[in-house]
Amino acid sequence: MAADSCSWFPALAVGVSLLKCFFISAYRSTDFEVHRNWLAITHSLPVSRWYYENTSEWTLDYPPLFAWFELGLSQVARRFDANMLQVENLNYASPATVLFQRLSVIVTDVVFIYAARECCRCVREPKGSRDVLSRPSFVLAVLLLWNFGLLVVDHIHFQYNGFLFGFLLLSVAKHLQSQHLQGALLFAFLLNLKHIYLYVAPAYGVYLLRSYCFAQDNKDGSVRWSSFSPLRLLALGAIVTSVCALSFGPFIAMGQLPQVLSRLFPFKRGLCHAYWAPNIWALYNVLDKSLAVLGVRLKLLEEAELPPASMTGGLVQEFEHSVLPSVTPAVTLVCTLLSILPAVASIWLRPHGAQGFLRCLLLCALGCFMFGWHVHEKAILIAILPLSILAVESREDAGIFLILTTTGHYSLFPLLFTPAELPIKVVLMLMFTIFSFTALRKLHSAQGSLLHPLEVIYLLGLVAVAIACEVVFPLSPWQQRLPFLPLLVTSVYCAMGVCYAFLRLYASLLLRREEKPKQL
């Protein structure tokens, strides 16, 4: 990163932090009450009752290290309003409680800000460039710090993703800087804060084994088995074991590990979330629904014999498909493993250093998002944020980034469904999208267009979808009869874009179409 970044990076960080403060009184989702309840549980109850408490429907279902994090926050929360720390005060949201919880997200984002700065240090600046938009580090800083998805998910909808993504990006940066033990330690902490990051654990495991535990390659690039270092493997094992012991140790000692795991992996929630994530199962669901409707109209199926339309009821529950085979957790696991296997095999057979690891991490994240069980739409950010690093280095990756980020970010629109937030989410997304297109086009201006004409047409189609779902539909008579229709249209249209980006990213890996990076 250039020396003058000392002026513009703090300005970007302070600017986005001030913007977050304007959202303190904005709409907040049920996740606000989820985290308030976890503050109360960890503060008011003994550790032995944390994972058994069920006064609220929002039971503690994150790994223990996050519970310790909530316990730490509760020590500050009591100085704002001690009543928020009472378990029986369900849906408690005094002004002091709202202020504390909003500020806690903003303050803990310092981890993300530091991680973004470290990621910016991993890209090389072109020599003699004075235009700030021609500096990869500046563009990357904006893409990370001002990411539309993080702003709406954390600071309006409400969660602590910035804090968690800080650990992920900092871990990635440490690997890019060849500080592998630090990177492994950070990722171990991350897994014990939120287990959704198991999505990318295969990339970490194979990369560290192949490129850290085996210190040398043969001339043809294959692994040199004689270079294996047991000490390095033991060091990695000690890191993972120590962090897990810190997190899970007390619960193992109390014999509560099965109870904790049952909270972390609740398979009774059904294949899809209430709002379908834009993945392969959204396309599968709508195909099943279409076949059922067609079958009834052609009198090939009896409507009375079909399962109820629970898929489109907006509820978190198990359901059966009408025509296509119903999908089980085991099926999603097999599909997920098959989807990431080529990427994982690639960094073992043809390692490309830290860049190959980062690309594998992205494919693991997208593979799990595409085929996982009960995937949340917010999980798309696990791919979007790290892809920002590759986007400033490569024209091919910049094009994939524009498709994935535009589609993935628009798929988050239904999370903010109140009229007051409509102009906020539209303006924020337009600002971020326009900057992304403008800055990346300028960075790669000498290498040709970033998108093909059909890709541009698809992305412009999002405008039509937005107008239909956000403006036309609420004024139409269909709103009462088919309330789930906008969610279905949004999910299915965005799923096509996410699937396409996933395939393009795979093609760039397996067909070696990726451009040589400037430095990674």
Protein backbone atom coordinates (compact mmCIF):
# COMPACT_ATOMS: atom_id res chain seq x y z
CA MET A 1 0.00 0.00 0.00
CA ALA A 2 1.29 3.46 -0.90
CA ALA A 3 2.57 5.78 1.79
CA ASP A 4 -0.17 8.36 1.15
CA SER A 5 -2.78 5.78 2.12
CA CYS A 6 -2.19 7.10 5.62
CA SER A 7 -4.49 9.95 4.61
CA TRP A 8 -7.25 8.32 2.57
CA PHE A 9 -7.68 5.00 4.41
CA PRO A 10 -8.59 6.57 7.79
CA ALA A 11 -10.94 8.94 5.96
CA LEU A 12 -12.74 5.99 4.33
CA ALA A 13 -12.98 4.15 7.66
CA VAL A 14 -14.23 7.16 9.63
CA GLY A 15 -16.65 8.10 6.87
CA VAL A 16 -18.33 4.70 6.76
CA SER A 17 -18.44 4.56 10.58
CA LEU A 18 -20.28 7.89 10.67
CA LEU A 19 -22.68 6.63 8.01
CA LYS A 20 -23.48 3.61 10.18
CA CYS A 21 -24.48 5.94 13.00
CA PHE A 22 -27.32 7.31 10.85
CA PHE A 23 -28.89 3.83 10.82
CA ILE A 24 -29.21 3.52 14.60
CA SER A 25 -32.94 4.21 14.55
CA ALA A 26 -33.62 2.34 11.30
CA TYR A 27 -35.59 -0.88 10.89
CA ARG A 28 -34.17 -3.89 12.74
CA SER A 29 -34.96 -7.55 12.25
CA THR A 30 -35.63 -10.32 14.74
CA ASP A 31 -31.85 -10.80 14.88
CA PHE A 32 -31.80 -7.74 17.15
CA GLU A 33 -33.86 -9.65 19.72
CA VAL A 34 -31.76 -12.78 19.10
CA HIS A 35 -28.59 -11.03 20.21
CA ARG A 36 -30.30 -9.19 23.08
CA ASN A 37 -31.48 -12.55 24.35
CA TRP A 38 -27.99 -13.99 24.06
CA LEU A 39 -26.64 -11.06 26.06
CA ALA A 40 -29.19 -11.88 28.76
CA ILE A 41 -28.47 -15.63 28.72
CA THR A 42 -24.70 -15.29 29.03
CA HIS A 43 -24.90 -12.53 31.64
CA SER A 44 -27.69 -13.84 33.88
CA LEU A 45 -27.30 -17.61 33.76
CA PRO A 46 -24.48 -19.98 34.73
CA VAL A 47 -22.48 -21.46 31.85
CA SER A 48 -24.09 -24.85 32.43
CA ARG A 49 -27.49 -23.47 31.35
CA TRP A 50 -26.48 -21.45 28.28
CA TYR A 51 -27.26 -24.14 25.71
CA TYR A 52 -30.37 -25.41 27.52
CA GLU A 53 -32.15 -22.09 28.04
CA ASN A 54 -35.28 -21.86 25.86
CA THR A 55 -37.47 -19.14 27.39
CA SER A 56 -37.20 -17.36 24.06
CA GLU A 57 -37.58 -19.08 20.71
CA TRP A 58 -34.23 -17.51 19.81
CA THR A 59 -32.05 -20.00 21.65
CA LEU A 60 -28.26 -19.76 21.68
CA ASP A 61 -27.07 -21.56 18.51
CA TYR A 62 -23.59 -20.13 17.81
CA PRO A 63 -20.35 -21.81 18.95
CA PRO A 64 -19.18 -21.17 22.52
CA LEU A 65 -16.54 -18.60 21.61
CA PHE A 66 -19.30 -16.31 20.36
CA ALA A 67 -21.15 -16.89 23.62
CA TRP A 68 -18.04 -15.71 25.48
CA PHE A 69 -18.02 -12.69 23.15
CA GLU A 70 -21.63 -11.94 24.10
CA LEU A 71 -20.69 -12.30 27.77
CA GLY A 72 -18.00 -9.68 27.28
CA LEU A 73 -20.45 -7.31 25.57
CA SER A 74 -22.92 -7.78 28.41
CA GLN A 75 -20.44 -6.28 30.87
CA VAL A 76 -20.72 -3.02 28.94
CA ALA A 77 -24.45 -3.44 28.21
CA ARG A 78 -25.37 -3.33 31.90
CA ARG A 79 -24.10 0.25 32.08
CA PHE A 80 -26.60 1.25 29.37
CA ASP A 81 -29.70 -0.59 30.61
CA ALA A 82 -29.51 -3.57 32.97
CA ASN A 83 -33.07 -4.59 32.09
CA MET A 84 -31.93 -5.84 28.68
CA LEU A 85 -29.95 -8.51 30.50
CA GLN A 86 -32.99 -10.18 32.04
CA VAL A 87 -33.91 -13.38 30.20
CA GLU A 88 -37.64 -12.95 30.81
CA ASN A 89 -37.70 -9.49 29.16
CA LEU A 90 -38.57 -10.82 25.73
CA ASN A 91 -38.52 -8.34 22.83
CA TYR A 92 -37.08 -5.67 25.11
CA ALA A 93 -35.93 -2.68 23.07
CA SER A 94 -35.54 0.45 25.17
CA PRO A 95 -33.76 3.41 23.52
CA ALA A 96 -30.63 2.65 25.57
CA THR A 97 -30.75 -0.99 24.48
CA VAL A 98 -31.04 -0.04 20.82
CA LEU A 99 -28.21 2.46 21.16
CA PHE A 100 -25.92 -0.05 22.85
CA GLN A 101 -26.52 -2.87 20.39
CA ARG A 102 -26.11 -0.62 17.36
CA LEU A 103 -22.91 0.89 18.77
CA SER A 104 -21.57 -2.56 19.65
CA VAL A 105 -21.71 -3.53 15.97
CA ILE A 106 -20.06 -0.28 14.87
CA VAL A 107 -17.27 -0.50 17.47
CA THR A 108 -16.47 -4.18 16.89
CA ASP A 109 -16.16 -3.41 13.17
CA VAL A 110 -12.69 -2.13 14.03
CA VAL A 111 -11.58 -5.74 13.46
CA PHE A 112 -12.94 -5.56 9.91
CA ILE A 113 -11.32 -2.17 9.31
CA TYR A 114 -7.92 -3.51 10.37
CA ALA A 115 -8.40 -6.61 8.22
CA ALA A 116 -9.30 -4.46 5.20
CA ARG A 117 -6.11 -2.47 5.69
CA GLU A 118 -4.04 -5.66 5.80
CA CYS A 119 -5.71 -6.93 2.62
CA CYS A 120 -4.86 -3.64 0.91
CA ARG A 121 -1.22 -4.20 1.83
CA CYS A 122 -1.29 -7.42 -0.21
CA VAL A 123 -1.82 -5.71 -3.57
CA ARG A 124 0.90 -3.89 -5.49
CA GLU A 125 0.41 -0.36 -6.72
CA PRO A 126 1.26 0.51 -10.34
CA LYS A 127 4.32 2.72 -10.59
CA GLY A 128 3.81 6.41 -11.19
CA SER A 129 0.03 6.35 -10.70
CA ARG A 130 -1.38 9.56 -9.24
CA ASP A 131 -5.07 8.97 -9.92
CA VAL A 132 -6.55 7.41 -6.80
CA LEU A 133 -9.01 5.34 -8.86
CA SER A 134 -6.04 3.73 -10.60
CA ARG A 135 -4.72 2.39 -7.29
CA PRO A 136 -5.85 -1.17 -6.52
CA SER A 137 -5.41 -0.59 -2.79
CA PHE A 138 -7.84 2.35 -2.78
CA VAL A 139 -10.43 0.51 -4.87
CA LEU A 140 -10.13 -2.56 -2.65
CA ALA A 141 -10.50 -0.45 0.50
CA VAL A 142 -13.78 1.02 -0.80
CA LEU A 143 -15.08 -2.36 -1.98
CA LEU A 144 -14.50 -3.78 1.49
CA LEU A 145 -15.23 -0.91 3.88
CA TRP A 146 -18.26 0.39 1.98
CA ASN A 147 -19.64 -2.99 0.97
CA PHE A 148 -23.39 -2.62 0.47
CA GLY A 149 -24.20 -6.08 1.82
CA LEU A 150 -22.40 -5.54 5.11
CA LEU A 151 -23.99 -2.13 5.62
CA VAL A 152 -27.57 -3.36 5.27
CA VAL A 153 -27.13 -6.77 6.92
CA ASP A 154 -25.22 -5.53 9.98
CA HIS A 155 -26.26 -1.95 10.53
CA ILE A 156 -29.91 -2.03 9.45
CA HIS A 157 -31.05 -5.65 9.52
CA PHE A 158 -28.66 -6.27 12.47
CA GLN A 159 -25.87 -8.79 12.93
CA TYR A 160 -22.14 -8.92 13.71
CA ASN A 161 -20.88 -10.07 10.31
CA GLY A 162 -18.31 -7.27 10.00
CA PHE A 163 -16.61 -8.44 13.20
CA LEU A 164 -16.59 -12.03 11.92
CA PHE A 165 -15.51 -11.18 8.38
CA GLY A 166 -12.66 -9.24 9.93
CA PHE A 167 -11.22 -12.54 11.19
CA LEU A 168 -11.73 -14.17 7.78
CA LEU A 169 -10.10 -11.39 5.77
CA LEU A 170 -7.28 -10.98 8.26
CA SER A 171 -6.64 -14.72 8.06
CA VAL A 172 -6.58 -14.53 4.25
CA ALA A 173 -4.21 -11.56 4.39
CA LYS A 174 -1.83 -13.44 6.67
CA HIS A 175 -1.69 -16.32 4.19
CA LEU A 176 -1.07 -13.88 1.35
CA GLN A 177 1.80 -12.53 3.45
CA SER A 178 3.10 -16.12 4.04
CA GLN A 179 2.37 -15.91 7.77
CA HIS A 180 0.58 -19.26 7.77
CA LEU A 181 0.47 -20.00 11.49
CA GLN A 182 -1.15 -16.64 12.20
CA GLY A 183 -3.62 -17.26 9.40
CA ALA A 184 -4.49 -20.68 10.81
CA LEU A 185 -4.91 -19.27 14.32
CA LEU A 186 -7.29 -16.55 13.11
CA PHE A 187 -9.36 -19.04 11.15
CA ALA A 188 -9.57 -21.37 14.16
CA PHE A 189 -10.94 -18.48 16.20
CA LEU A 190 -13.39 -17.68 13.42
CA LEU A 191 -14.76 -21.24 13.26
CA ASN A 192 -15.37 -21.13 17.00
CA LEU A 193 -17.19 -17.81 16.66
CA LYS A 194 -19.55 -18.89 13.88
CA HIS A 195 -19.63 -22.35 12.36
CA ILE A 196 -20.97 -21.23 8.98
CA TYR A 197 -17.32 -20.68 8.05
CA LEU A 198 -17.01 -24.45 7.84
CA TYR A 199 -17.94 -23.65 4.23
CA VAL A 200 -14.34 -22.67 3.54
CA ALA A 201 -12.59 -25.04 5.95
CA PRO A 202 -11.69 -27.56 3.17
CA ALA A 203 -9.73 -24.85 1.35
CA TYR A 204 -7.78 -24.05 4.52
CA GLY A 205 -7.12 -27.68 5.39
CA VAL A 206 -5.86 -28.78 1.98
CA TYR A 207 -3.89 -25.60 1.34
CA LEU A 208 -2.06 -25.69 4.66
CA LEU A 209 -1.31 -29.39 4.32
CA ARG A 210 -0.10 -29.08 0.72
CA SER A 211 1.75 -25.77 0.80
CA TYR A 212 2.84 -25.48 4.44
CA CYS A 213 3.34 -29.00 5.76
CA PHE A 214 5.01 -30.02 2.49
CA ALA A 215 7.78 -27.46 2.17
CA GLN A 216 8.91 -28.22 -1.39
CA ASP A 217 7.58 -29.34 -4.79
CA ASN A 218 9.14 -31.42 -7.54
CA LYS A 219 10.15 -29.70 -10.78
CA ASP A 220 6.87 -30.68 -12.42
CA GLY A 221 4.91 -29.07 -9.60
CA SER A 222 3.87 -32.32 -7.92
CA VAL A 223 4.26 -32.78 -4.20
CA ARG A 224 7.67 -33.83 -2.90
CA TRP A 225 6.68 -36.36 -0.25
CA SER A 226 10.11 -36.29 1.39
CA SER A 227 9.65 -32.61 2.26
CA PHE A 228 6.81 -33.33 4.70
CA SER A 229 7.35 -31.63 8.07
CA PRO A 230 5.73 -33.38 11.07
CA LEU A 231 6.62 -30.38 13.24
CA ARG A 232 4.60 -28.04 11.02
CA LEU A 233 1.63 -30.41 11.14
CA LEU A 234 1.92 -30.61 14.92
CA ALA A 235 2.04 -26.82 15.13
CA LEU A 236 -1.18 -26.53 13.11
CA GLY A 237 -2.81 -29.26 15.18
CA ALA A 238 -1.81 -27.54 18.40
CA ILE A 239 -3.34 -24.26 17.23
CA VAL A 240 -6.67 -25.83 16.29
CA THR A 241 -6.81 -27.99 19.42
CA SER A 242 -5.97 -25.09 21.73
CA VAL A 243 -8.64 -22.80 20.31
CA CYS A 244 -11.29 -25.54 20.38
CA ALA A 245 -10.34 -26.39 23.96
CA LEU A 246 -10.71 -22.74 24.93
CA SER A 247 -14.12 -22.58 23.29
CA PHE A 248 -15.67 -26.00 23.94
CA GLY A 249 -13.60 -27.15 26.93
CA PRO A 250 -16.03 -26.15 29.70
CA PHE A 251 -18.95 -27.79 27.90
CA ILE A 252 -17.00 -30.98 27.27
CA ALA A 253 -16.08 -31.08 30.95
CA MET A 254 -19.78 -30.74 31.86
CA GLY A 255 -20.76 -33.48 29.40
CA GLN A 256 -22.78 -31.03 27.33
CA LEU A 257 -21.07 -31.42 23.93
CA PRO A 258 -24.02 -33.33 22.36
CA GLN A 259 -26.42 -30.59 23.50
CA VAL A 260 -24.18 -27.86 22.09
CA LEU A 261 -23.86 -29.66 18.76
CA SER A 262 -27.62 -30.16 18.56
CA ARG A 263 -28.03 -26.38 18.79
CA LEU A 264 -25.33 -25.72 16.19
CA PHE A 265 -26.74 -28.13 13.60
CA PRO A 266 -30.58 -28.07 13.76
CA PHE A 267 -31.52 -30.12 10.69
CA LYS A 268 -35.25 -29.82 11.40
CA ARG A 269 -35.36 -26.33 9.89
CA GLY A 270 -35.92 -27.57 6.36
CA LEU A 271 -34.09 -27.36 3.04
CA CYS A 272 -34.61 -23.63 2.52
CA HIS A 273 -34.85 -20.56 4.71
CA ALA A 274 -38.15 -18.64 4.86
CA TYR A 275 -36.83 -16.51 2.00
CA TRP A 276 -35.06 -18.81 -0.43
CA ALA A 277 -31.37 -18.11 -0.84
CA PRO A 278 -30.59 -17.60 -4.55
CA ASN A 279 -29.05 -21.03 -5.09
CA ILE A 280 -29.69 -24.30 -6.91
CA TRP A 281 -32.49 -25.29 -4.53
CA ALA A 282 -34.43 -22.13 -5.38
CA LEU A 283 -34.35 -23.24 -9.02
CA TYR A 284 -35.23 -26.80 -7.96
CA ASN A 285 -38.17 -25.59 -5.90
CA VAL A 286 -39.62 -23.43 -8.64
CA LEU A 287 -39.19 -26.25 -11.17
CA ASP A 288 -41.09 -28.57 -8.84
CA LYS A 289 -43.83 -25.98 -8.37
CA SER A 290 -44.08 -25.40 -12.13
CA LEU A 291 -44.30 -29.13 -12.84
CA ALA A 292 -47.02 -29.49 -10.23
CA VAL A 293 -49.09 -26.66 -11.71
CA LEU A 294 -48.59 -28.05 -15.22
CA GLY A 295 -49.49 -31.55 -14.06
CA VAL A 296 -52.75 -30.35 -12.52
CA ARG A 297 -53.70 -28.37 -15.62
CA LEU A 298 -53.01 -31.35 -17.88
CA LYS A 299 -54.95 -33.53 -15.44
CA LEU A 300 -51.93 -35.72 -14.85
CA LEU A 301 -51.96 -34.93 -11.12
CA GLU A 302 -54.75 -34.55 -8.60
CA GLU A 303 -54.45 -31.24 -6.74
CA ALA A 304 -55.94 -32.74 -3.58
CA GLU A 305 -53.13 -35.31 -3.44
CA LEU A 306 -50.32 -32.77 -3.63
CA PRO A 307 -48.49 -31.61 -0.47
CA PRO A 308 -49.54 -28.18 0.86
CA ALA A 309 -47.68 -25.19 -0.59
CA SER A 310 -45.45 -24.80 2.46
CA MET A 311 -42.43 -23.92 0.32
CA THR A 312 -43.94 -20.54 -0.45
CA GLY A 313 -45.47 -19.89 2.93
CA GLY A 314 -42.58 -17.84 4.18
CA LEU A 315 -42.04 -20.15 7.16
CA VAL A 316 -38.99 -22.01 8.42
CA GLN A 317 -40.06 -25.64 8.34
CA GLU A 318 -39.62 -28.99 6.61
CA PHE A 319 -41.62 -29.64 3.47
CA GLU A 320 -42.00 -32.17 0.69
CA HIS A 321 -41.70 -31.50 -3.01
CA SER A 322 -44.75 -32.23 -5.12
CA VAL A 323 -43.27 -33.84 -8.24
CA LEU A 324 -39.48 -33.94 -7.94
CA PRO A 325 -37.81 -36.09 -5.26
CA SER A 326 -37.66 -34.39 -1.87
CA VAL A 327 -34.18 -33.34 -0.80
CA THR A 328 -32.64 -34.58 2.45
CA PRO A 329 -29.67 -33.22 4.42
CA ALA A 330 -27.60 -36.18 3.20
CA VAL A 331 -28.33 -35.29 -0.43
CA THR A 332 -27.27 -31.68 0.10
CA LEU A 333 -24.07 -32.86 1.80
CA VAL A 334 -23.15 -35.12 -1.14
CA CYS A 335 -23.94 -32.38 -3.67
CA THR A 336 -21.88 -29.87 -1.71
CA LEU A 337 -18.87 -32.16 -1.46
CA LEU A 338 -19.03 -32.95 -5.17
CA SER A 339 -19.26 -29.23 -6.00
CA ILE A 340 -16.09 -28.32 -4.09
CA LEU A 341 -14.06 -31.45 -4.83
CA PRO A 342 -12.52 -30.20 -8.12
CA ALA A 343 -11.43 -26.95 -6.47
CA VAL A 344 -9.87 -28.72 -3.50
CA ALA A 345 -8.19 -31.26 -5.78
CA SER A 346 -6.84 -28.44 -7.92
CA ILE A 347 -4.87 -26.78 -5.14
CA TRP A 348 -3.42 -30.16 -4.20
CA LEU A 349 -2.47 -31.23 -7.72
CA ARG A 350 -1.68 -27.81 -9.24
CA PRO A 351 -1.06 -25.37 -6.41
CA HIS A 352 -0.84 -21.72 -7.42
CA GLY A 353 0.32 -20.41 -4.08
CA ALA A 354 -1.84 -18.08 -2.03
CA GLN A 355 -3.83 -17.00 -5.09
CA GLY A 356 -4.83 -20.61 -5.75
CA PHE A 357 -5.87 -20.91 -2.10
CA LEU A 358 -8.01 -17.77 -2.32
CA ARG A 359 -9.71 -19.01 -5.49
CA CYS A 360 -10.39 -22.39 -3.85
CA LEU A 361 -11.79 -20.60 -0.79
CA LEU A 362 -14.23 -18.73 -3.04
CA LEU A 363 -15.36 -21.90 -4.78
CA CYS A 364 -15.86 -23.68 -1.46
CA ALA A 365 -17.93 -20.76 -0.20
CA LEU A 366 -20.05 -20.67 -3.36
CA GLY A 367 -20.35 -24.46 -3.56
CA CYS A 368 -21.73 -24.62 -0.02
CA PHE A 369 -24.00 -21.66 -0.74
CA MET A 370 -25.28 -23.31 -3.92
CA PHE A 371 -25.97 -26.78 -2.52
CA GLY A 372 -26.05 -26.48 1.29
CA TRP A 373 -28.92 -27.28 3.66
CA HIS A 374 -30.99 -24.34 4.95
CA VAL A 375 -28.68 -21.71 3.50
CA HIS A 376 -29.26 -18.09 4.52
CA GLU A 377 -29.22 -15.49 1.76
CA LYS A 378 -26.65 -13.46 3.75
CA ALA A 379 -24.07 -16.23 3.27
CA ILE A 380 -23.37 -14.91 -0.24
CA LEU A 381 -21.11 -12.33 1.43
CA ILE A 382 -18.64 -15.10 2.30
CA ALA A 383 -17.79 -15.19 -1.41
CA ILE A 384 -18.33 -11.54 -2.36
CA LEU A 385 -15.89 -10.02 0.13
CA PRO A 386 -12.80 -12.19 -0.57
CA LEU A 387 -13.51 -11.97 -4.31
CA SER A 388 -12.92 -8.22 -3.99
CA ILE A 389 -9.20 -8.98 -3.57
CA LEU A 390 -9.00 -10.88 -6.85
CA ALA A 391 -11.19 -8.32 -8.64
CA VAL A 392 -8.59 -5.56 -8.32
CA GLU A 393 -5.85 -7.88 -9.61
CA SER A 394 -7.45 -9.52 -12.65
CA ARG A 395 -9.82 -8.43 -15.43
CA GLU A 396 -11.42 -11.89 -15.58
CA ASP A 397 -12.08 -11.87 -11.85
CA ALA A 398 -13.34 -8.29 -11.99
CA GLY A 399 -16.05 -9.37 -14.44
CA ILE A 400 -17.08 -12.28 -12.22
CA PHE A 401 -17.08 -9.96 -9.22
CA LEU A 402 -19.44 -7.48 -10.91
CA ILE A 403 -21.92 -10.24 -11.74
CA LEU A 404 -21.76 -11.90 -8.33
CA THR A 405 -21.78 -8.75 -6.24
CA THR A 406 -24.60 -7.06 -8.16
CA THR A 407 -26.75 -10.19 -8.14
CA GLY A 408 -25.86 -11.23 -4.60
CA HIS A 409 -26.42 -7.77 -3.17
CA TYR A 410 -29.77 -7.36 -4.88
CA SER A 411 -30.83 -10.72 -3.45
CA LEU A 412 -30.55 -9.06 -0.01
CA PHE A 413 -33.23 -6.48 -0.84
CA PRO A 414 -36.12 -8.53 0.65
CA LEU A 415 -34.41 -8.42 4.06
CA LEU A 416 -35.42 -4.73 4.25
CA PHE A 417 -39.09 -4.76 3.35
CA THR A 418 -40.40 -1.67 5.13
CA PRO A 419 -41.20 1.39 2.95
CA ALA A 420 -38.93 3.70 4.97
CA GLU A 421 -35.86 1.64 4.08
CA LEU A 422 -36.62 1.43 0.34
CA PRO A 423 -34.81 4.66 -0.63
CA ILE A 424 -31.91 3.80 1.69
CA LYS A 425 -31.22 0.40 0.16
CA VAL A 426 -31.71 1.68 -3.40
CA VAL A 427 -29.34 4.62 -2.95
CA LEU A 428 -26.69 2.59 -1.11
CA MET A 429 -26.71 -0.17 -3.71
CA LEU A 430 -26.60 2.28 -6.61
CA MET A 431 -23.63 4.09 -5.06
CA PHE A 432 -21.71 0.87 -4.43
CA THR A 433 -22.57 -0.65 -7.82
CA ILE A 434 -21.69 2.48 -9.80
CA PHE A 435 -18.38 2.77 -7.96
CA SER A 436 -17.60 -0.92 -8.55
CA PHE A 437 -18.24 -0.70 -12.28
CA THR A 438 -16.44 2.63 -12.69
CA ALA A 439 -13.38 1.84 -10.59
CA LEU A 440 -12.82 -1.70 -11.88
CA ARG A 441 -13.28 -0.59 -15.48
CA LYS A 442 -10.66 2.09 -14.94
CA LEU A 443 -8.27 -0.34 -13.24
CA HIS A 444 -8.48 -2.78 -16.15
CA SER A 445 -9.11 -0.28 -18.96
CA ALA A 446 -6.17 -1.50 -21.02
CA GLN A 447 -7.39 -5.10 -21.04
CA GLY A 448 -10.80 -4.80 -22.70
CA SER A 449 -14.41 -4.95 -21.54
CA LEU A 450 -15.19 -6.56 -18.20
CA LEU A 451 -18.58 -7.97 -19.21
CA HIS A 452 -20.05 -9.62 -22.29
CA PRO A 453 -23.21 -8.08 -23.82
CA LEU A 454 -25.48 -10.88 -22.54
CA GLU A 455 -24.09 -10.40 -19.04
CA VAL A 456 -24.91 -6.69 -19.24
CA ILE A 457 -28.46 -7.51 -20.39
CA TYR A 458 -28.91 -9.91 -17.47
CA LEU A 459 -27.75 -7.31 -14.94
CA LEU A 460 -30.02 -4.66 -16.47
CA GLY A 461 -32.84 -7.16 -15.97
CA LEU A 462 -32.38 -6.63 -12.23
CA VAL A 463 -33.73 -3.12 -12.73
CA ALA A 464 -36.93 -4.54 -14.21
CA VAL A 465 -37.18 -7.06 -11.37
CA ALA A 466 -36.69 -4.28 -8.80
CA ILE A 467 -39.38 -2.08 -10.32
CA ALA A 468 -41.82 -4.98 -10.58
CA CYS A 469 -41.23 -6.25 -7.03
CA GLU A 470 -40.69 -3.00 -5.13
CA VAL A 471 -43.11 -0.64 -6.95
CA VAL A 472 -45.63 -2.41 -9.18
CA PHE A 473 -46.45 -5.49 -7.11
CA PRO A 474 -47.37 -3.66 -3.86
CA LEU A 475 -49.96 -1.68 -5.84
CA SER A 476 -51.43 -4.72 -7.61
CA PRO A 477 -54.27 -7.04 -6.48
CA TRP A 478 -51.77 -9.93 -6.47
CA GLN A 479 -50.32 -8.67 -3.22
CA GLN A 480 -53.11 -10.30 -1.22
CA ARG A 481 -53.38 -13.49 -3.28
CA LEU A 482 -49.67 -14.21 -3.86
CA PRO A 483 -47.67 -12.41 -1.14
CA PHE A 484 -44.61 -14.62 -1.66
CA LEU A 485 -44.34 -13.89 -5.40
CA PRO A 486 -41.76 -11.04 -5.18
CA LEU A 487 -39.52 -13.20 -2.99
CA LEU A 488 -39.81 -16.08 -5.44
CA VAL A 489 -39.03 -13.90 -8.47
CA THR A 490 -36.08 -12.23 -6.72
CA SER A 491 -34.62 -15.52 -5.52
CA VAL A 492 -34.97 -17.32 -8.85
CA TYR A 493 -33.64 -14.46 -10.98
CA CYS A 494 -30.67 -13.90 -8.67
CA ALA A 495 -30.02 -17.66 -8.49
CA MET A 496 -29.33 -17.69 -12.22
CA GLY A 497 -26.67 -15.00 -11.80
CA VAL A 498 -25.04 -16.69 -8.81
CA CYS A 499 -24.96 -20.04 -10.65
CA TYR A 500 -23.38 -18.36 -13.66
CA ALA A 501 -20.71 -16.64 -11.54
CA PHE A 502 -19.96 -19.97 -9.85
CA LEU A 503 -19.44 -21.66 -13.22
CA ARG A 504 -17.28 -18.82 -14.54
CA LEU A 505 -15.11 -18.91 -11.44
CA TYR A 506 -14.68 -22.66 -11.85
CA ALA A 507 -13.79 -22.21 -15.51
CA SER A 508 -11.10 -19.67 -14.61
CA LEU A 509 -9.59 -22.21 -12.22
CA LEU A 510 -9.84 -25.47 -14.16
CA LEU A 511 -9.20 -24.07 -17.65
CA ARG A 512 -6.38 -21.82 -16.43
CA ARG A 513 -8.00 -18.79 -17.95
CA GLU A 514 -7.07 -16.65 -14.98
CA GLU A 515 -4.62 -13.87 -15.65
CA LYS A 516 -1.30 -13.80 -13.89
CA PRO A 517 -1.68 -11.64 -10.78
CA LYS A 518 0.43 -8.61 -10.13
CA GLN A 519 1.24 -9.85 -6.65
CA LEU A 520 -0.60 -12.20 -4.36
